[in-house]
Amino acid sequence: MKIYLNTICKNEIDIIDEYINKHINEPRITGIYILDTGSTDGTYEKLLEYTKKYPNKLFVNQKTYTKFYFDVARNDASAMLPKDDGWVLNVDIDEYVEWNDNDIEEITLENILKKADELNCKKIFYLYLPDDTQPNFAFYAGKIVKNQTYKWINPVHELPDLLNKNDMIFKINRVLIKQKMRPNIHKTYKSYLEECLFTRPEYEMALFYLLKEYYNSREFHKCPPLIEKIKKSSLENNYKCCSLLIYHRILALLNTPPTLLLQNLREALYFGHGRREVYVDLMYFYDSQNMLIDALWAGLSALRIKDRPFDFVDSPEFWNPELVEKKVYDICQKIKNEKLLEIFMEDLKISFETLNNKENVNDRENINV
């Protein structure tokens, strides 16, 4: 079984040594293929030095772009790979492979790949840890794919999309790739999103992620126009729900009147009810300074996913609606604004009854948005 690492890079001189040294001597890796997209800090020259030391394992090309899109560059990097049926681990320069050698033998990465081969699967969904200093937060990703079976799509949040939609996907509840969090990464990421919305407005996912970046950077004045675009977009309802939850926190930080906060919450409930799913990462991405908004978030989570817990959350009791309702109440007791507390608890009660009594919500009027 052949295993390849494939990635793109630009101006990574501060971490390129760590990436190479972490993977180059791993005997299970057949080859490492890196496309430099125009480094000016010596990264490309450093990579060329490594190719002289490891000529049969490290392969490097360089290509510059007038307009840079991740999917285009990723596809160019994929073209460097041999034309065989090996497994491709798309591990970025700030990421590393978790082989799970200390786990039971059946779920080491190597055996996971073998099992996927036995089942004729072409892609693996695994848990991805975006910050290796926060082991309790992981989400599913799919950047481990069978060579020659996929192409990259999306200009910023690029994904390897299987060419044959009937190909099977193997899903495993194990962290297989981890990332090292680096300072200032959000600044570059935000500029990519802003440019993407200008040059490729059809990629509406950028609206949601840019809203998160504006929240993190406290550029609240840029958020209302984004929210209006998100509500009118063709994004799935769970993205719209999460967007409104982010906006909910912004409104609270701006001391928005309680009635407007609740109106926004009801609209989030409307968008969120259809699939009864939630993006758990919101609990981790955003600060916990505002207890009231945390309470509203916890209550909303209880409403939406009481029958569908996520198996990678380390506190299963969080998904018990009765316990969450008590938790919400306990937190709200600390809030001095008793009037707002009463309004929220009544709204929570009504929402519970609404969602319990109606399996399908077809329009906004059903939940009084």
Protein backbone atom coordinates (compact mmCIF):
# COMPACT_ATOMS: atom_id res chain seq x y z
CA MET A 1 0.00 0.00 0.00
CA LYS A 2 1.37 3.38 -1.04
CA ILE A 3 0.75 6.50 1.07
CA TYR A 4 1.51 9.98 -0.26
CA LEU A 5 1.54 13.39 1.39
CA ASN A 6 0.42 16.21 -0.90
CA THR A 7 0.12 19.92 -0.17
CA ILE A 8 0.73 23.50 -1.27
CA CYS A 9 2.76 26.14 0.54
CA LYS A 10 3.87 29.76 0.41
CA ASN A 11 6.23 31.63 2.74
CA GLU A 12 6.43 28.92 5.40
CA ILE A 13 10.10 29.29 6.27
CA ASP A 14 9.34 29.32 10.00
CA ILE A 15 7.79 25.84 10.02
CA ILE A 16 8.95 24.05 6.88
CA ASP A 17 11.80 22.29 8.72
CA GLU A 18 9.42 20.89 11.30
CA TYR A 19 7.05 19.60 8.62
CA ILE A 20 9.79 17.82 6.67
CA ASN A 21 11.51 16.38 9.74
CA LYS A 22 8.22 15.12 11.15
CA HIS A 23 7.29 13.14 8.04
CA ILE A 24 10.32 12.46 5.85
CA ASN A 25 11.67 9.52 7.85
CA GLU A 26 8.29 7.86 8.37
CA PRO A 27 8.67 4.52 6.55
CA ARG A 28 4.92 4.24 5.88
CA ILE A 29 5.02 7.38 3.71
CA THR A 30 5.96 6.55 0.10
CA GLY A 31 6.51 10.13 -1.05
CA ILE A 32 5.89 13.78 -0.17
CA TYR A 33 4.75 16.09 -2.98
CA ILE A 34 4.74 19.86 -2.37
CA LEU A 35 3.78 22.69 -4.72
CA ASP A 36 5.23 26.07 -3.73
CA THR A 37 2.90 28.83 -4.93
CA GLY A 38 5.42 31.67 -5.01
CA SER A 39 7.38 31.90 -1.77
CA THR A 40 9.63 34.94 -1.33
CA ASP A 41 11.06 34.12 2.12
CA GLY A 42 13.34 31.23 1.18
CA THR A 43 10.83 28.40 1.62
CA TYR A 44 11.23 27.14 -1.94
CA GLU A 45 15.02 27.22 -1.76
CA LYS A 46 14.91 25.34 1.56
CA LEU A 47 12.67 22.68 -0.01
CA LEU A 48 15.10 22.27 -2.92
CA GLU A 49 17.89 21.63 -0.41
CA TYR A 50 15.80 18.87 1.15
CA THR A 51 15.16 17.28 -2.26
CA LYS A 52 18.91 16.82 -2.68
CA LYS A 53 19.02 14.96 0.63
CA TYR A 54 15.86 12.91 -0.05
CA PRO A 55 15.68 12.66 -3.88
CA ASN A 56 13.51 9.57 -3.86
CA LYS A 57 10.99 10.72 -1.29
CA LEU A 58 10.52 14.52 -1.53
CA PHE A 59 9.29 16.10 -4.77
CA VAL A 60 8.89 19.86 -5.13
CA ASN A 61 7.59 22.17 -7.88
CA GLN A 62 6.85 25.90 -7.95
CA LYS A 63 4.06 27.76 -9.70
CA THR A 64 2.93 31.36 -9.21
CA TYR A 65 -0.59 32.69 -9.76
CA THR A 66 -1.93 36.07 -10.83
CA LYS A 67 -5.19 35.26 -9.02
CA PHE A 68 -4.80 32.70 -6.28
CA TYR A 69 -7.55 30.19 -5.51
CA PHE A 70 -6.96 27.22 -3.26
CA ASP A 71 -8.87 24.75 -5.41
CA VAL A 72 -6.84 25.64 -8.52
CA ALA A 73 -3.52 25.36 -6.67
CA ARG A 74 -4.58 22.11 -4.98
CA ASN A 75 -5.45 20.54 -8.32
CA ASP A 76 -2.05 21.57 -9.68
CA ALA A 77 -0.42 19.96 -6.64
CA SER A 78 -2.45 16.77 -7.16
CA ALA A 79 -1.14 16.60 -10.73
CA MET A 80 2.35 16.03 -9.29
CA LEU A 81 1.34 12.66 -7.83
CA PRO A 82 2.15 9.33 -9.53
CA LYS A 83 -0.66 7.83 -11.60
CA ASP A 84 -1.50 4.95 -9.28
CA ASP A 85 -4.11 3.99 -6.69
CA GLY A 86 -2.22 4.98 -3.55
CA TRP A 87 -3.77 6.86 -0.64
CA VAL A 88 -3.25 10.64 -0.56
CA LEU A 89 -3.05 12.42 2.79
CA ASN A 90 -3.51 16.13 2.07
CA VAL A 91 -1.57 17.35 5.09
CA ASP A 92 -0.78 21.07 5.11
CA ILE A 93 2.52 22.56 6.23
CA ASP A 94 1.10 23.48 9.64
CA GLU A 95 -0.44 20.02 10.10
CA TYR A 96 0.85 16.56 10.89
CA VAL A 97 -0.32 12.96 10.66
CA GLU A 98 -1.65 11.14 13.73
CA TRP A 99 -0.88 7.46 13.13
CA ASN A 100 -2.64 6.31 16.32
CA ASP A 101 0.11 3.76 16.98
CA ASN A 102 -0.68 3.80 20.69
CA ASP A 103 -4.33 2.93 20.05
CA ILE A 104 -5.65 -0.57 19.55
CA GLU A 105 -4.25 -2.14 16.39
CA GLU A 106 -7.50 -2.14 14.43
CA ILE A 107 -7.76 1.65 14.39
CA THR A 108 -4.22 2.71 13.61
CA LEU A 109 -4.15 4.90 10.50
CA GLU A 110 -2.43 2.19 8.49
CA ASN A 111 -5.09 -0.39 9.30
CA ILE A 112 -7.87 2.13 8.67
CA LEU A 113 -6.53 2.60 5.14
CA LYS A 114 -6.33 -1.18 4.64
CA LYS A 115 -9.93 -1.60 5.82
CA ALA A 116 -11.07 1.16 3.47
CA ASP A 117 -9.33 -0.67 0.63
CA GLU A 118 -11.11 -3.90 1.54
CA LEU A 119 -14.45 -2.09 1.37
CA ASN A 120 -13.45 -0.35 -1.89
CA CYS A 121 -13.88 3.10 -0.33
CA LYS A 122 -12.29 6.07 -2.07
CA LYS A 123 -12.41 8.67 0.68
CA ILE A 124 -12.10 8.71 4.46
CA PHE A 125 -13.99 10.99 6.83
CA TYR A 126 -12.06 11.31 10.06
CA LEU A 127 -11.82 13.68 12.99
CA TYR A 128 -9.61 16.72 12.41
CA LEU A 129 -8.06 18.65 15.29
CA PRO A 130 -7.59 22.30 14.17
CA ASP A 131 -5.60 23.26 17.26
CA ASP A 132 -3.51 20.58 18.94
CA THR A 133 -3.56 22.57 22.19
CA GLN A 134 -7.32 22.02 22.47
CA PRO A 135 -7.80 18.24 22.32
CA ASN A 136 -11.50 18.39 23.22
CA PHE A 137 -12.48 20.05 19.95
CA ALA A 138 -12.47 18.13 16.70
CA PHE A 139 -14.71 17.99 13.66
CA TYR A 140 -15.10 15.68 10.69
CA ALA A 141 -12.96 16.31 7.61
CA GLY A 142 -12.29 14.40 4.40
CA LYS A 143 -8.82 15.20 3.06
CA ILE A 144 -7.69 11.56 2.89
CA VAL A 145 -8.60 10.25 -0.56
CA LYS A 146 -7.69 7.59 -3.07
CA ASN A 147 -5.31 8.90 -5.73
CA GLN A 148 -6.81 9.78 -9.13
CA THR A 149 -10.41 9.64 -7.84
CA TYR A 150 -11.05 13.29 -6.92
CA LYS A 151 -10.70 16.94 -7.81
CA TRP A 152 -10.55 19.97 -5.53
CA ILE A 153 -13.49 22.38 -5.40
CA ASN A 154 -14.15 25.73 -3.62
CA PRO A 155 -11.76 28.69 -3.85
CA VAL A 156 -11.11 29.13 -0.11
CA HIS A 157 -12.53 26.20 1.88
CA GLU A 158 -11.25 23.73 -0.64
CA LEU A 159 -12.52 20.15 -0.56
CA PRO A 160 -11.48 17.01 -2.46
CA ASP A 161 -14.65 16.04 -4.33
CA LEU A 162 -14.96 12.47 -5.63
CA LEU A 163 -15.29 12.28 -9.40
CA ASN A 164 -17.65 9.31 -9.16
CA LYS A 165 -20.53 10.24 -6.89
CA ASN A 166 -21.28 6.56 -6.34
CA ASP A 167 -17.90 5.87 -4.73
CA MET A 168 -18.14 4.86 -1.09
CA ILE A 169 -16.77 6.88 1.84
CA PHE A 170 -15.29 5.33 4.97
CA LYS A 171 -16.07 7.15 8.24
CA ILE A 172 -14.00 6.70 11.38
CA ASN A 173 -14.34 8.38 14.77
CA ARG A 174 -10.60 8.98 15.24
CA VAL A 175 -8.34 12.02 14.94
CA LEU A 176 -6.02 11.36 11.99
CA ILE A 177 -4.70 14.84 11.18
CA LYS A 178 -3.80 17.63 13.61
CA GLN A 179 -2.95 21.29 13.10
CA LYS A 180 -0.59 23.54 15.01
CA MET A 181 -2.32 26.87 15.65
CA ARG A 182 -0.23 29.86 14.58
CA PRO A 183 -0.61 33.58 15.39
CA ASN A 184 -1.89 36.00 12.71
CA ILE A 185 -3.32 33.19 10.60
CA HIS A 186 -6.79 34.74 10.80
CA LYS A 187 -5.63 38.01 9.24
CA THR A 188 -4.50 36.26 6.04
CA TYR A 189 -7.54 34.01 6.05
CA LYS A 190 -9.89 37.01 6.29
CA SER A 191 -8.25 38.72 3.31
CA TYR A 192 -8.71 35.54 1.24
CA LEU A 193 -12.41 35.48 2.11
CA GLU A 194 -12.93 39.15 1.27
CA GLU A 195 -11.23 38.75 -2.10
CA CYS A 196 -13.18 35.60 -2.82
CA LEU A 197 -16.53 37.32 -2.25
CA PHE A 198 -15.48 40.03 -4.67
CA THR A 199 -14.11 37.80 -7.43
CA ARG A 200 -16.27 34.67 -7.01
CA PRO A 201 -19.54 35.77 -5.37
CA GLU A 202 -21.16 32.45 -6.24
CA TYR A 203 -19.15 30.86 -3.42
CA GLU A 204 -21.63 31.81 -0.72
CA MET A 205 -19.92 29.79 2.02
CA ALA A 206 -17.45 32.67 2.26
CA LEU A 207 -20.27 34.79 3.75
CA PHE A 208 -20.58 32.52 6.77
CA TYR A 209 -16.85 32.19 7.43
CA LEU A 210 -16.21 35.89 6.91
CA LEU A 211 -18.87 36.68 9.50
CA LYS A 212 -16.95 34.54 11.99
CA GLU A 213 -13.73 36.39 11.17
CA TYR A 214 -15.38 39.79 11.63
CA TYR A 215 -16.67 38.60 14.99
CA ASN A 216 -13.19 37.47 16.06
CA SER A 217 -11.63 40.77 14.97
CA ARG A 218 -14.50 42.77 16.52
CA GLU A 219 -15.31 44.50 13.22
CA PHE A 220 -18.97 44.53 14.14
CA HIS A 221 -19.90 47.33 11.74
CA LYS A 222 -19.20 44.99 8.80
CA CYS A 223 -21.58 42.30 10.03
CA PRO A 224 -25.16 43.57 9.38
CA PRO A 225 -24.76 43.62 5.56
CA LEU A 226 -23.34 40.10 5.68
CA ILE A 227 -26.27 38.87 7.76
CA GLU A 228 -28.75 40.21 5.22
CA LYS A 229 -26.88 38.49 2.39
CA ILE A 230 -26.73 35.24 4.36
CA LYS A 231 -30.49 35.23 5.01
CA LYS A 232 -31.15 35.76 1.29
CA SER A 233 -28.51 33.27 0.15
CA SER A 234 -28.93 29.65 -0.88
CA LEU A 235 -26.86 28.46 2.09
CA GLU A 236 -28.26 25.54 4.04
CA ASN A 237 -30.45 26.49 6.97
CA ASN A 238 -27.97 25.26 9.57
CA TYR A 239 -25.40 27.77 8.28
CA LYS A 240 -28.01 30.50 8.46
CA CYS A 241 -28.86 29.46 12.00
CA CYS A 242 -25.23 29.53 13.09
CA SER A 243 -24.74 32.89 11.42
CA LEU A 244 -27.63 34.32 13.40
CA LEU A 245 -26.19 32.89 16.61
CA ILE A 246 -22.92 34.70 15.91
CA TYR A 247 -24.89 37.86 15.18
CA HIS A 248 -26.79 37.27 18.42
CA ARG A 249 -23.57 37.59 20.37
CA ILE A 250 -22.60 40.72 18.47
CA LEU A 251 -25.96 42.31 19.26
CA ALA A 252 -25.54 41.44 22.92
CA LEU A 253 -22.05 42.95 23.05
CA LEU A 254 -23.55 46.12 21.55
CA ASN A 255 -26.18 46.22 24.34
CA THR A 256 -29.08 45.55 21.99
CA PRO A 257 -32.55 45.70 23.65
CA PRO A 258 -33.80 42.28 24.84
CA THR A 259 -36.76 42.24 22.46
CA LEU A 260 -34.44 42.45 19.43
CA LEU A 261 -32.19 39.75 20.89
CA LEU A 262 -35.14 37.41 21.23
CA GLN A 263 -36.39 38.25 17.75
CA ASN A 264 -33.00 37.24 16.36
CA LEU A 265 -33.03 34.06 18.47
CA ARG A 266 -36.46 33.07 17.14
CA GLU A 267 -35.24 33.52 13.59
CA ALA A 268 -32.24 31.32 14.38
CA LEU A 269 -34.64 28.71 15.76
CA TYR A 270 -36.58 28.81 12.52
CA PHE A 271 -33.52 28.19 10.35
CA GLY A 272 -32.16 25.58 12.73
CA HIS A 273 -35.21 23.39 13.16
CA GLY A 274 -35.33 21.79 9.73
CA ARG A 275 -32.34 19.42 10.13
CA ARG A 276 -32.06 19.28 13.94
CA GLU A 277 -28.29 19.65 13.65
CA VAL A 278 -25.89 22.19 15.06
CA TYR A 279 -22.32 23.23 14.55
CA VAL A 280 -20.73 22.35 17.85
CA ASP A 281 -17.58 24.28 16.99
CA LEU A 282 -19.38 27.53 17.82
CA MET A 283 -19.04 26.57 21.48
CA TYR A 284 -15.29 26.54 21.09
CA PHE A 285 -14.57 29.28 18.55
CA TYR A 286 -16.09 32.11 20.53
CA ASP A 287 -15.33 33.56 23.93
CA SER A 288 -17.44 32.75 26.99
CA GLN A 289 -17.45 36.20 28.57
CA ASN A 290 -21.12 36.90 28.00
CA MET A 291 -22.99 34.47 30.25
CA LEU A 292 -26.41 35.39 28.94
CA ILE A 293 -25.48 34.58 25.34
CA ASP A 294 -23.90 31.32 26.47
CA ALA A 295 -27.18 30.50 28.18
CA LEU A 296 -29.18 31.31 25.07
CA TRP A 297 -26.79 29.19 23.02
CA ALA A 298 -27.09 26.25 25.41
CA GLY A 299 -30.87 26.50 25.37
CA LEU A 300 -30.95 26.62 21.59
CA SER A 301 -28.68 23.58 21.39
CA ALA A 302 -31.02 21.66 23.66
CA LEU A 303 -33.97 22.53 21.44
CA ARG A 304 -32.31 21.41 18.26
CA ILE A 305 -30.26 18.31 18.96
CA LYS A 306 -31.84 16.59 21.93
CA ASP A 307 -32.30 13.50 19.76
CA ARG A 308 -29.01 13.58 17.88
CA PRO A 309 -25.85 13.95 19.99
CA PHE A 310 -22.42 14.33 18.41
CA ASP A 311 -20.17 11.45 19.36
CA PHE A 312 -17.02 13.58 19.64
CA VAL A 313 -18.28 15.95 22.32
CA ASP A 314 -16.70 15.07 25.63
CA SER A 315 -19.72 15.97 27.78
CA PRO A 316 -22.62 13.71 26.78
CA GLU A 317 -24.87 15.18 29.46
CA PHE A 318 -24.79 18.46 27.51
CA TRP A 319 -27.23 16.95 25.05
CA ASN A 320 -29.79 16.01 27.70
CA PRO A 321 -32.50 18.69 27.29
CA GLU A 322 -33.64 18.53 30.92
CA LEU A 323 -30.12 18.99 32.27
CA VAL A 324 -29.44 21.76 29.79
CA GLU A 325 -32.61 23.59 30.74
CA LYS A 326 -31.50 23.49 34.36
CA LYS A 327 -28.03 24.66 33.35
CA VAL A 328 -29.53 27.53 31.41
CA TYR A 329 -31.65 28.51 34.37
CA ASP A 330 -28.68 28.37 36.77
CA ILE A 331 -26.63 30.60 34.49
CA CYS A 332 -29.47 33.02 34.00
CA GLN A 333 -29.85 33.34 37.76
CA LYS A 334 -26.53 35.18 37.70
CA ILE A 335 -27.89 37.76 35.29
CA LYS A 336 -29.13 40.86 37.05
CA ASN A 337 -31.74 41.69 34.46
CA GLU A 338 -34.61 39.61 35.89
CA LYS A 339 -37.02 40.81 33.26
CA LEU A 340 -34.84 39.48 30.48
CA LEU A 341 -34.45 36.22 32.38
CA GLU A 342 -38.22 35.75 32.56
CA ILE A 343 -38.64 36.56 28.86
CA PHE A 344 -35.94 34.10 27.88
CA MET A 345 -37.19 31.24 30.04
CA GLU A 346 -40.73 31.69 28.75
CA ASP A 347 -39.46 31.77 25.18
CA LEU A 348 -37.43 28.62 25.84
CA LYS A 349 -40.48 26.84 27.24
CA ILE A 350 -42.68 27.84 24.30
CA SER A 351 -40.01 26.79 21.83
CA PHE A 352 -39.67 23.38 23.48
CA GLU A 353 -43.43 22.86 23.19
CA THR A 354 -43.46 24.06 19.58
CA LEU A 355 -40.71 21.74 18.42
CA ASN A 356 -42.01 18.77 20.41
CA ASN A 357 -45.50 19.10 18.96
CA LYS A 358 -44.53 19.63 15.32
CA GLU A 359 -42.32 17.24 13.41
CA ASN A 360 -42.13 19.50 10.37
CA VAL A 361 -41.96 23.27 10.22
CA ASN A 362 -42.73 24.48 6.75
CA ASP A 363 -42.85 28.22 7.21
CA ARG A 364 -41.93 30.94 9.64
CA GLU A 365 -45.43 31.47 10.91
CA ASN A 366 -45.32 28.08 12.63
CA ILE A 367 -42.86 29.35 15.20
CA ASN A 368 -43.78 33.02 15.30
CA VAL A 369 -40.61 34.46 13.86
